[in-house]
Amino acid sequence: MMKGVSKSLFARLLAAALLAGAIAAGGAALAGTSSLEESLAGALLPSAAPPLLGPITSSGRKGWDCQPERAAAAQHWQDAQLPSAPISP
């Protein structure tokens, strides 16, 4: 530490300098945006469904007749044709 400067005075000066720096940085960050709505305009757009996939209904995905779709649509677990459990030693 410097001679003649107490620790409490140094701590106060350091805290004041950090606070002033934080305020200046916050002001510089907000200077580029005029409003919150402008800054969030592109961030909150909903995503669209992929163009190759049809909508999924209770009967499955239209046009897809594959094993996982049939297994997922099975009414009972015995009809889902699940793989057998491996035998552990």
C-alpha atoms as a PDB file:
ATOM      1  CA  MET A   1       0.000   0.000   0.000  1.00  0.00           C
ATOM      2  CA  MET A   2       0.950   3.606  -0.320  1.00  0.00           C
ATOM      3  CA  LYS A   3       2.426   5.390   2.650  1.00  0.00           C
ATOM      4  CA  GLY A   4       0.105   7.831   4.366  1.00  0.00           C
ATOM      5  CA  VAL A   5      -3.142   6.408   2.886  1.00  0.00           C
ATOM      6  CA  SER A   6      -5.241   4.311   5.224  1.00  0.00           C
ATOM      7  CA  LYS A   7      -6.738   1.015   4.120  1.00  0.00           C
ATOM      8  CA  SER A   8     -10.318   2.244   4.557  1.00  0.00           C
ATOM      9  CA  LEU A   9      -9.692   5.322   2.381  1.00  0.00           C
ATOM     10  CA  PHE A  10      -8.076   3.155  -0.287  1.00  0.00           C
ATOM     11  CA  ALA A  11     -11.013   0.728  -0.192  1.00  0.00           C
ATOM     12  CA  ARG A  12     -13.500   3.611  -0.576  1.00  0.00           C
ATOM     13  CA  LEU A  13     -11.588   5.065  -3.528  1.00  0.00           C
ATOM     14  CA  LEU A  14     -11.385   1.653  -5.176  1.00  0.00           C
ATOM     15  CA  ALA A  15     -15.113   1.044  -4.674  1.00  0.00           C
ATOM     16  CA  ALA A  16     -15.963   4.477  -6.097  1.00  0.00           C
ATOM     17  CA  ALA A  17     -13.738   3.882  -9.137  1.00  0.00           C
ATOM     18  CA  LEU A  18     -15.323   0.465  -9.790  1.00  0.00           C
ATOM     19  CA  LEU A  19     -18.824   1.912  -9.447  1.00  0.00           C
ATOM     20  CA  ALA A  20     -18.046   4.743 -11.851  1.00  0.00           C
ATOM     21  CA  GLY A  21     -16.582   2.258 -14.334  1.00  0.00           C
ATOM     22  CA  ALA A  22     -19.657   0.036 -14.119  1.00  0.00           C
ATOM     23  CA  ILE A  23     -21.980   2.991 -14.712  1.00  0.00           C
ATOM     24  CA  ALA A  24     -19.909   4.141 -17.692  1.00  0.00           C
ATOM     25  CA  ALA A  25     -19.870   0.649 -19.187  1.00  0.00           C
ATOM     26  CA  GLY A  26     -23.634   0.299 -18.739  1.00  0.00           C
ATOM     27  CA  GLY A  27     -24.244   3.650 -20.373  1.00  0.00           C
ATOM     28  CA  ALA A  28     -22.039   2.739 -23.320  1.00  0.00           C
ATOM     29  CA  ALA A  29     -23.848  -0.578 -23.740  1.00  0.00           C
ATOM     30  CA  LEU A  30     -27.253   1.077 -23.781  1.00  0.00           C
ATOM     31  CA  ALA A  31     -26.207   3.939 -26.054  1.00  0.00           C
ATOM     32  CA  GLY A  32     -26.508   1.785 -29.192  1.00  0.00           C
ATOM     33  CA  THR A  33     -30.080   0.671 -28.567  1.00  0.00           C
ATOM     34  CA  SER A  34     -32.936   3.103 -28.520  1.00  0.00           C
ATOM     35  CA  SER A  35     -35.447   0.781 -26.901  1.00  0.00           C
ATOM     36  CA  LEU A  36     -35.799  -2.657 -25.408  1.00  0.00           C
ATOM     37  CA  GLU A  37     -38.278  -3.654 -28.107  1.00  0.00           C
ATOM     38  CA  GLU A  38     -35.735  -2.899 -30.845  1.00  0.00           C
ATOM     39  CA  SER A  39     -33.026  -4.910 -29.158  1.00  0.00           C
ATOM     40  CA  LEU A  40     -35.321  -7.938 -28.710  1.00  0.00           C
ATOM     41  CA  ALA A  41     -37.067  -7.733 -32.100  1.00  0.00           C
ATOM     42  CA  GLY A  42     -35.062 -10.496 -33.776  1.00  0.00           C
ATOM     43  CA  ALA A  43     -34.518 -12.613 -30.685  1.00  0.00           C
ATOM     44  CA  LEU A  44     -38.114 -13.631 -30.061  1.00  0.00           C
ATOM     45  CA  LEU A  45     -39.162 -15.001 -33.447  1.00  0.00           C
ATOM     46  CA  PRO A  46     -40.875 -18.398 -33.313  1.00  0.00           C
ATOM     47  CA  SER A  47     -39.214 -21.220 -35.161  1.00  0.00           C
ATOM     48  CA  ALA A  48     -40.943 -22.864 -38.094  1.00  0.00           C
ATOM     49  CA  ALA A  49     -41.452 -26.586 -38.577  1.00  0.00           C
ATOM     50  CA  PRO A  50     -39.018 -28.291 -40.948  1.00  0.00           C
ATOM     51  CA  PRO A  51     -40.472 -28.283 -44.468  1.00  0.00           C
ATOM     52  CA  LEU A  52     -39.998 -32.031 -45.115  1.00  0.00           C
ATOM     53  CA  LEU A  53     -41.862 -33.299 -42.060  1.00  0.00           C
ATOM     54  CA  GLY A  54     -45.613 -33.355 -41.780  1.00  0.00           C
ATOM     55  CA  PRO A  55     -47.454 -32.578 -38.554  1.00  0.00           C
ATOM     56  CA  ILE A  56     -47.535 -35.268 -35.878  1.00  0.00           C
ATOM     57  CA  THR A  57     -51.063 -36.313 -34.934  1.00  0.00           C
ATOM     58  CA  SER A  58     -52.403 -38.959 -32.579  1.00  0.00           C
ATOM     59  CA  SER A  59     -52.101 -41.543 -35.366  1.00  0.00           C
ATOM     60  CA  GLY A  60     -48.466 -40.642 -36.088  1.00  0.00           C
ATOM     61  CA  ARG A  61     -46.761 -38.594 -38.758  1.00  0.00           C
ATOM     62  CA  LYS A  62     -48.660 -38.696 -42.050  1.00  0.00           C
ATOM     63  CA  GLY A  63     -46.678 -40.384 -44.788  1.00  0.00           C
ATOM     64  CA  TRP A  64     -44.281 -42.103 -42.433  1.00  0.00           C
ATOM     65  CA  ASP A  65     -44.893 -45.801 -41.993  1.00  0.00           C
ATOM     66  CA  CYS A  66     -41.796 -46.974 -40.203  1.00  0.00           C
ATOM     67  CA  GLN A  67     -41.156 -49.300 -37.286  1.00  0.00           C
ATOM     68  CA  PRO A  68     -40.580 -46.581 -34.658  1.00  0.00           C
ATOM     69  CA  GLU A  69     -43.834 -44.846 -35.646  1.00  0.00           C
ATOM     70  CA  ARG A  70     -45.796 -48.113 -35.422  1.00  0.00           C
ATOM     71  CA  ALA A  71     -44.175 -48.953 -32.079  1.00  0.00           C
ATOM     72  CA  ALA A  72     -44.991 -45.509 -30.690  1.00  0.00           C
ATOM     73  CA  ALA A  73     -48.620 -45.831 -31.797  1.00  0.00           C
ATOM     74  CA  ALA A  74     -49.101 -49.265 -30.219  1.00  0.00           C
ATOM     75  CA  GLN A  75     -51.931 -49.471 -27.685  1.00  0.00           C
ATOM     76  CA  HIS A  76     -50.174 -52.058 -25.462  1.00  0.00           C
ATOM     77  CA  TRP A  77     -46.496 -52.487 -24.697  1.00  0.00           C
ATOM     78  CA  GLN A  78     -46.603 -56.078 -25.959  1.00  0.00           C
ATOM     79  CA  ASP A  79     -47.582 -54.777 -29.410  1.00  0.00           C
ATOM     80  CA  ALA A  80     -44.734 -52.258 -29.564  1.00  0.00           C
ATOM     81  CA  GLN A  81     -42.159 -54.946 -30.481  1.00  0.00           C
ATOM     82  CA  LEU A  82     -39.626 -53.626 -27.982  1.00  0.00           C
ATOM     83  CA  PRO A  83     -36.146 -55.167 -27.995  1.00  0.00           C
ATOM     84  CA  SER A  84     -35.518 -57.819 -25.371  1.00  0.00           C
ATOM     85  CA  ALA A  85     -33.603 -56.816 -22.287  1.00  0.00           C
ATOM     86  CA  PRO A  86     -29.975 -57.921 -22.253  1.00  0.00           C
ATOM     87  CA  ILE A  87     -29.151 -60.629 -19.731  1.00  0.00           C
ATOM     88  CA  SER A  88     -26.784 -59.255 -17.129  1.00  0.00           C
ATOM     89  CA  PRO A  89     -24.220 -61.625 -15.557  1.00  0.00           C
END
